Amino acid sequence: MSADLSSDPERSSVTRFGALSPVVQAVVIAVIAMLLFSVVPPSVRLLSDTMTSWQIVFIRAAFGAIAMGAFFIWSGFYELKTRRTGNHFLRSTLNFIGMVMWFWALGHIELAKGIAIHFTMPLFITLFAVMFLGERVGPRRLIAMLVGFAGVLIILRPGMIGIGLPELAILGSAALYGGAVVLMKVVVKEDTPAAVTFYTNVFMGLWCLVPTVLYWAPPTMDDILPTMGLGVCGLFAPFLVAISLKKADASLIAALDFLRLPFTALFGFVLFAEIPDEFVWLGAAIIFFSTYYIAQREAKRAQAEP
């Protein structure tokens, strides 16, 4: 038996991975997920040379809708039942507008800088949860939020350099995504995550169907690889995160989210000769640690609640 295992490298690799502790497995899976997430921005940048943001979002939504449709054919359509169609529609609208702004901005801004600014999304989630869900925020979380937004100011440096429309679009996108997450907290009380994902992609696809048809740009051979990067990596990365969360604490996985910045910066350097300045790294680190602290506080509060 040992000889058979040693002669089958693939089976041997799986066996060695299975022998690792759950925490180590979670770290490996999460790192791969962050790498896949980091493939999306350069893919969008490459596609934006020939396609509109509407069409790129449509492609992204189509991948998600087809994949989730196949999942429901296999598992059954009973999970699609919902009494919150209006909430799904509103959440998908926020996601749609946010994604169009995000994808458009990626075609006009340094990739690492864009990712750094988009790290503010958890700050908006906390802010909107307080405003619309009535969640209470203590002085520590409030200070962490202010520190996080100070990190944005370090990146943007208003008064020192010009703040362009792409930077504002990414901030707006982060805010809209944050609002969509807050709405999801309401929706998932009755609907499954799979149903939420399906309705999000279907409604987003419907939103951008008309402008996509009106301004359709036939994909070229050069578009095939970035299209696959956008669709496949954007689809599988969240699933890998979900798997890693089953094997380790959310705080550990959240800490690895920062890896998206160096991974994206590497793609930006190799593909577009981009070199982010020290203010991007410093501001991103401040934003990340503030959001990580908020996540830690929320996790402790959730554990303390009966």
Protein backbone atom coordinates (compact mmCIF):
# COMPACT_ATOMS: atom_id res chain seq x y z
CA MET A 1 0.00 0.00 0.00
CA SER A 2 2.81 2.41 0.88
CA ALA A 3 4.43 1.66 -2.46
CA ASP A 4 1.19 2.51 -4.23
CA LEU A 5 0.91 5.82 -2.38
CA SER A 6 4.49 6.78 -3.12
CA SER A 7 3.99 5.99 -6.80
CA ASP A 8 0.92 8.28 -6.97
CA PRO A 9 2.13 11.85 -6.30
CA GLU A 10 -1.39 13.31 -6.41
CA ARG A 11 -2.77 10.87 -3.84
CA SER A 12 0.35 11.29 -1.72
CA SER A 13 -0.06 15.08 -1.71
CA VAL A 14 -3.70 14.79 -0.66
CA THR A 15 -2.72 12.39 2.11
CA ARG A 16 -0.02 14.74 3.39
CA PHE A 17 -2.42 17.69 3.33
CA GLY A 18 -5.04 15.68 5.23
CA ALA A 19 -2.45 14.88 7.88
CA LEU A 20 -1.98 18.58 8.66
CA SER A 21 -3.83 20.15 11.58
CA PRO A 22 -7.16 21.85 10.75
CA VAL A 23 -5.66 25.27 11.51
CA VAL A 24 -2.76 24.76 9.09
CA GLN A 25 -5.19 23.47 6.45
CA ALA A 26 -7.33 26.58 6.98
CA VAL A 27 -4.33 28.87 6.54
CA VAL A 28 -3.26 27.14 3.31
CA ILE A 29 -6.80 27.26 1.89
CA ALA A 30 -7.27 30.91 2.93
CA VAL A 31 -3.96 31.95 1.35
CA ILE A 32 -5.04 30.31 -1.91
CA ALA A 33 -8.37 32.14 -1.63
CA MET A 34 -6.62 35.49 -1.20
CA LEU A 35 -4.47 34.73 -4.23
CA LEU A 36 -7.60 33.98 -6.27
CA PHE A 37 -9.26 37.17 -5.03
CA SER A 38 -6.16 39.05 -6.19
CA VAL A 39 -6.53 37.73 -9.73
CA VAL A 40 -9.82 39.62 -10.17
CA PRO A 41 -8.51 43.26 -10.20
CA PRO A 42 -5.86 42.71 -12.91
CA SER A 43 -8.39 40.67 -14.90
CA VAL A 44 -10.83 43.59 -14.75
CA ARG A 45 -8.06 46.02 -15.74
CA LEU A 46 -7.20 43.93 -18.81
CA LEU A 47 -10.84 43.55 -19.84
CA SER A 48 -11.53 47.26 -19.39
CA ASP A 49 -9.35 47.96 -22.43
CA THR A 50 -12.02 46.47 -24.71
CA MET A 51 -15.22 46.19 -22.62
CA THR A 52 -17.47 48.52 -20.65
CA SER A 53 -17.90 48.09 -16.90
CA TRP A 54 -21.48 46.94 -17.57
CA GLN A 55 -20.29 44.05 -19.70
CA ILE A 56 -17.60 43.01 -17.22
CA VAL A 57 -20.15 42.97 -14.38
CA PHE A 58 -22.54 40.99 -16.59
CA ILE A 59 -19.84 38.37 -17.23
CA ARG A 60 -19.11 38.15 -13.51
CA ALA A 61 -22.81 37.78 -12.67
CA ALA A 62 -23.34 35.22 -15.44
CA PHE A 63 -20.60 32.98 -14.06
CA GLY A 64 -22.18 33.14 -10.61
CA ALA A 65 -25.75 32.57 -11.77
CA ILE A 66 -24.81 29.60 -13.97
CA ALA A 67 -22.72 27.99 -11.23
CA MET A 68 -25.43 28.44 -8.59
CA GLY A 69 -28.09 27.23 -11.03
CA ALA A 70 -26.10 24.05 -11.56
CA PHE A 71 -25.81 23.68 -7.78
CA PHE A 72 -29.59 23.91 -7.33
CA ILE A 73 -30.21 21.41 -10.13
CA TRP A 74 -28.01 19.00 -8.17
CA SER A 75 -29.29 19.78 -4.66
CA GLY A 76 -32.90 20.74 -5.36
CA PHE A 77 -34.69 24.05 -5.81
CA TYR A 78 -36.38 24.12 -2.40
CA GLU A 79 -33.63 26.40 -1.06
CA LEU A 80 -34.67 29.12 -3.51
CA LYS A 81 -37.95 29.76 -1.72
CA THR A 82 -37.96 33.24 -0.22
CA ARG A 83 -40.34 35.79 1.25
CA ARG A 84 -37.79 38.57 0.98
CA THR A 85 -37.69 39.21 -2.76
CA GLY A 86 -37.69 42.96 -2.16
CA ASN A 87 -34.67 42.74 0.12
CA HIS A 88 -32.87 40.56 -2.40
CA PHE A 89 -33.61 43.09 -5.11
CA LEU A 90 -32.40 46.04 -3.01
CA ARG A 91 -29.26 44.20 -1.93
CA SER A 92 -28.50 43.19 -5.51
CA THR A 93 -29.00 46.78 -6.63
CA LEU A 94 -26.44 48.00 -4.10
CA ASN A 95 -24.05 45.23 -5.16
CA PHE A 96 -24.59 46.05 -8.82
CA ILE A 97 -23.90 49.78 -8.50
CA GLY A 98 -20.96 49.10 -6.20
CA MET A 99 -19.45 46.56 -8.60
CA VAL A 100 -19.84 48.83 -11.62
CA MET A 101 -18.08 51.64 -9.72
CA TRP A 102 -15.38 49.23 -8.49
CA PHE A 103 -14.70 47.69 -11.89
CA TRP A 104 -14.70 51.08 -13.63
CA ALA A 105 -12.23 52.48 -11.09
CA LEU A 106 -9.88 49.50 -11.49
CA GLY A 107 -9.36 50.56 -15.08
CA HIS A 108 -8.18 54.01 -14.00
CA ILE A 109 -6.22 53.57 -10.77
CA GLU A 110 -3.16 51.76 -9.47
CA LEU A 111 -4.37 48.29 -8.45
CA ALA A 112 -2.72 48.21 -5.02
CA LYS A 113 -4.08 51.65 -4.20
CA GLY A 114 -7.56 50.54 -5.20
CA ILE A 115 -7.40 47.46 -2.98
CA ALA A 116 -6.09 49.54 -0.07
CA ILE A 117 -8.99 51.98 -0.28
CA HIS A 118 -11.48 49.12 -0.65
CA PHE A 119 -10.29 47.73 2.69
CA THR A 120 -12.63 50.35 4.21
CA MET A 121 -15.70 48.19 3.52
CA PRO A 122 -15.80 46.71 7.08
CA LEU A 123 -15.77 50.24 8.47
CA PHE A 124 -18.89 51.06 6.48
CA ILE A 125 -20.49 47.79 7.59
CA THR A 126 -20.03 48.79 11.23
CA LEU A 127 -21.29 52.30 10.56
CA PHE A 128 -24.43 51.13 8.73
CA ALA A 129 -25.13 48.40 11.30
CA VAL A 130 -25.25 51.12 13.95
CA MET A 131 -27.40 53.41 11.80
CA PHE A 132 -29.92 50.89 10.42
CA LEU A 133 -29.81 47.79 12.64
CA GLY A 134 -29.52 49.59 15.94
CA GLU A 135 -26.27 47.86 16.90
CA ARG A 136 -24.43 49.59 19.70
CA VAL A 137 -20.82 50.60 19.25
CA GLY A 138 -18.55 51.24 22.21
CA PRO A 139 -15.81 53.86 22.42
CA ARG A 140 -13.09 51.38 21.39
CA ARG A 141 -14.83 50.40 18.18
CA LEU A 142 -15.63 54.04 17.48
CA ILE A 143 -11.97 54.99 17.86
CA ALA A 144 -10.98 52.05 15.63
CA MET A 145 -13.38 53.32 12.94
CA LEU A 146 -11.91 56.82 13.11
CA VAL A 147 -8.39 55.39 12.91
CA GLY A 148 -9.40 53.36 9.86
CA PHE A 149 -10.73 56.40 8.04
CA ALA A 150 -7.52 58.21 9.00
CA GLY A 151 -5.73 55.49 7.04
CA VAL A 152 -7.81 56.49 4.01
CA LEU A 153 -6.64 60.08 4.41
CA ILE A 154 -3.02 58.88 4.46
CA ILE A 155 -3.56 57.10 1.14
CA LEU A 156 -5.48 59.94 -0.50
CA ARG A 157 -3.50 62.81 1.08
CA PRO A 158 -6.11 65.51 0.33
CA GLY A 159 -4.50 68.90 -0.17
CA MET A 160 -1.18 67.28 -1.10
CA ILE A 161 -2.25 65.38 -4.20
CA GLY A 162 -5.44 65.51 -6.22
CA ILE A 163 -8.26 63.14 -5.34
CA GLY A 164 -9.67 61.81 -8.58
CA LEU A 165 -12.97 60.25 -9.53
CA PRO A 166 -11.55 56.67 -9.36
CA GLU A 167 -10.62 57.11 -5.68
CA LEU A 168 -14.09 58.47 -4.89
CA ALA A 169 -15.70 55.67 -6.90
CA ILE A 170 -13.86 53.03 -4.86
CA LEU A 171 -14.90 54.66 -1.59
CA GLY A 172 -18.48 54.75 -2.86
CA SER A 173 -18.21 51.12 -3.92
CA ALA A 174 -16.95 50.11 -0.47
CA ALA A 175 -19.88 51.95 1.11
CA LEU A 176 -22.41 50.27 -1.19
CA TYR A 177 -20.89 46.83 -0.58
CA GLY A 178 -21.06 47.57 3.15
CA GLY A 179 -24.75 48.40 2.84
CA ALA A 180 -25.33 45.16 0.93
CA VAL A 181 -23.65 43.15 3.71
CA VAL A 182 -25.84 44.82 6.34
CA LEU A 183 -28.91 43.89 4.29
CA MET A 184 -27.59 40.33 4.05
CA LYS A 185 -27.63 40.14 7.86
CA VAL A 186 -31.40 40.57 7.60
CA VAL A 187 -31.93 38.26 4.63
CA VAL A 188 -29.94 35.25 5.93
CA LYS A 189 -32.22 34.99 8.95
CA GLU A 190 -34.67 33.19 6.66
CA ASP A 191 -32.81 32.38 3.42
CA THR A 192 -29.76 30.21 2.81
CA PRO A 193 -26.41 31.71 1.72
CA ALA A 194 -26.73 29.77 -1.54
CA ALA A 195 -30.08 31.43 -2.27
CA VAL A 196 -28.66 34.86 -1.42
CA THR A 197 -25.77 34.28 -3.84
CA PHE A 198 -28.09 33.08 -6.60
CA TYR A 199 -30.52 36.00 -6.36
CA THR A 200 -27.67 38.49 -6.15
CA ASN A 201 -26.13 37.27 -9.40
CA VAL A 202 -29.46 36.96 -11.23
CA PHE A 203 -30.63 40.46 -10.31
CA MET A 204 -27.20 41.95 -11.08
CA GLY A 205 -27.25 40.24 -14.47
CA LEU A 206 -30.70 41.66 -15.20
CA TRP A 207 -29.61 45.14 -14.13
CA CYS A 208 -26.74 45.28 -16.61
CA LEU A 209 -28.37 43.24 -19.40
CA VAL A 210 -29.68 46.23 -21.39
CA PRO A 211 -26.50 48.38 -21.32
CA THR A 212 -24.44 45.26 -22.03
CA VAL A 213 -26.49 44.52 -25.15
CA LEU A 214 -26.44 48.17 -26.27
CA TYR A 215 -22.68 48.53 -25.82
CA TRP A 216 -21.61 44.93 -26.43
CA ALA A 217 -17.97 44.49 -27.40
CA PRO A 218 -17.17 41.08 -28.91
CA PRO A 219 -14.49 39.39 -26.78
CA THR A 220 -11.12 38.93 -28.44
CA MET A 221 -8.67 36.08 -28.02
CA ASP A 222 -6.75 38.26 -25.58
CA ASP A 223 -9.89 38.51 -23.42
CA ILE A 224 -10.26 34.76 -22.84
CA LEU A 225 -7.69 34.44 -20.04
CA PRO A 226 -8.78 37.51 -18.02
CA THR A 227 -12.42 36.49 -18.49
CA MET A 228 -11.65 33.10 -16.96
CA GLY A 229 -9.68 34.81 -14.21
CA LEU A 230 -12.61 37.09 -13.42
CA GLY A 231 -15.25 34.38 -13.51
CA VAL A 232 -13.51 31.33 -12.08
CA CYS A 233 -11.35 33.02 -9.45
CA GLY A 234 -14.13 35.37 -8.41
CA LEU A 235 -16.45 32.39 -8.00
CA PHE A 236 -14.19 29.95 -6.15
CA ALA A 237 -12.39 32.35 -3.81
CA PRO A 238 -15.44 32.90 -1.53
CA PHE A 239 -16.05 29.15 -1.36
CA LEU A 240 -12.47 28.56 -0.24
CA VAL A 241 -12.90 31.21 2.44
CA ALA A 242 -16.06 29.44 3.62
CA ILE A 243 -14.15 26.14 3.82
CA SER A 244 -11.31 27.74 5.78
CA LEU A 245 -13.81 29.28 8.23
CA LYS A 246 -15.04 25.79 9.07
CA LYS A 247 -11.53 24.75 10.06
CA ALA A 248 -10.29 27.80 12.01
CA ASP A 249 -11.50 30.89 13.85
CA ALA A 250 -12.77 33.79 11.80
CA SER A 251 -10.20 36.10 13.42
CA LEU A 252 -7.35 34.06 11.94
CA ILE A 253 -8.86 34.07 8.46
CA ALA A 254 -9.61 37.79 8.72
CA ALA A 255 -5.96 38.45 9.50
CA LEU A 256 -4.97 36.79 6.23
CA ASP A 257 -7.20 39.14 4.22
CA PHE A 258 -4.35 41.65 4.14
CA LEU A 259 -2.48 39.28 1.80
CA ARG A 260 -4.68 40.55 -1.01
CA LEU A 261 -2.62 43.75 -1.05
CA PRO A 262 0.86 42.26 -1.71
CA PHE A 263 -0.62 39.70 -4.12
CA THR A 264 -2.43 42.43 -6.06
CA ALA A 265 0.63 44.69 -5.94
CA LEU A 266 2.68 41.85 -7.42
CA PHE A 267 0.22 41.45 -10.32
CA GLY A 268 0.23 45.22 -10.80
CA PHE A 269 4.02 45.27 -10.97
CA VAL A 270 4.38 42.28 -13.32
CA LEU A 271 1.54 43.20 -15.69
CA PHE A 272 1.45 47.00 -15.55
CA ALA A 273 4.82 48.06 -14.03
CA GLU A 274 3.01 49.65 -11.05
CA ILE A 275 4.92 50.37 -7.85
CA PRO A 276 2.73 51.55 -4.95
CA ASP A 277 4.27 54.27 -2.77
CA GLU A 278 4.87 54.04 0.97
CA PHE A 279 1.67 55.97 1.76
CA VAL A 280 -0.43 53.22 0.18
CA TRP A 281 1.22 50.54 2.33
CA LEU A 282 1.04 52.62 5.51
CA GLY A 283 -2.58 53.65 5.00
CA ALA A 284 -3.61 50.12 4.06
CA ALA A 285 -1.95 48.71 7.19
CA ILE A 286 -3.79 51.22 9.38
CA ILE A 287 -7.13 50.47 7.71
CA PHE A 288 -6.57 46.74 7.98
CA PHE A 289 -5.61 46.70 11.66
CA SER A 290 -8.53 48.96 12.56
CA THR A 291 -11.00 46.67 10.76
CA TYR A 292 -9.32 43.61 12.26
CA TYR A 293 -9.71 45.10 15.75
CA ILE A 294 -13.38 45.81 15.08
CA ALA A 295 -13.88 42.22 13.91
CA GLN A 296 -12.21 40.94 17.07
CA ARG A 297 -14.45 43.09 19.28
CA GLU A 298 -17.57 41.94 17.43
CA ALA A 299 -16.52 38.29 17.78
CA LYS A 300 -16.02 38.68 21.54
CA ARG A 301 -19.37 40.43 21.86
CA ALA A 302 -21.10 37.63 19.94
CA GLN A 303 -19.53 35.01 22.22
CA ALA A 304 -20.64 36.92 25.31
CA GLU A 305 -24.27 37.14 24.16
CA PRO A 306 -26.52 34.28 25.34
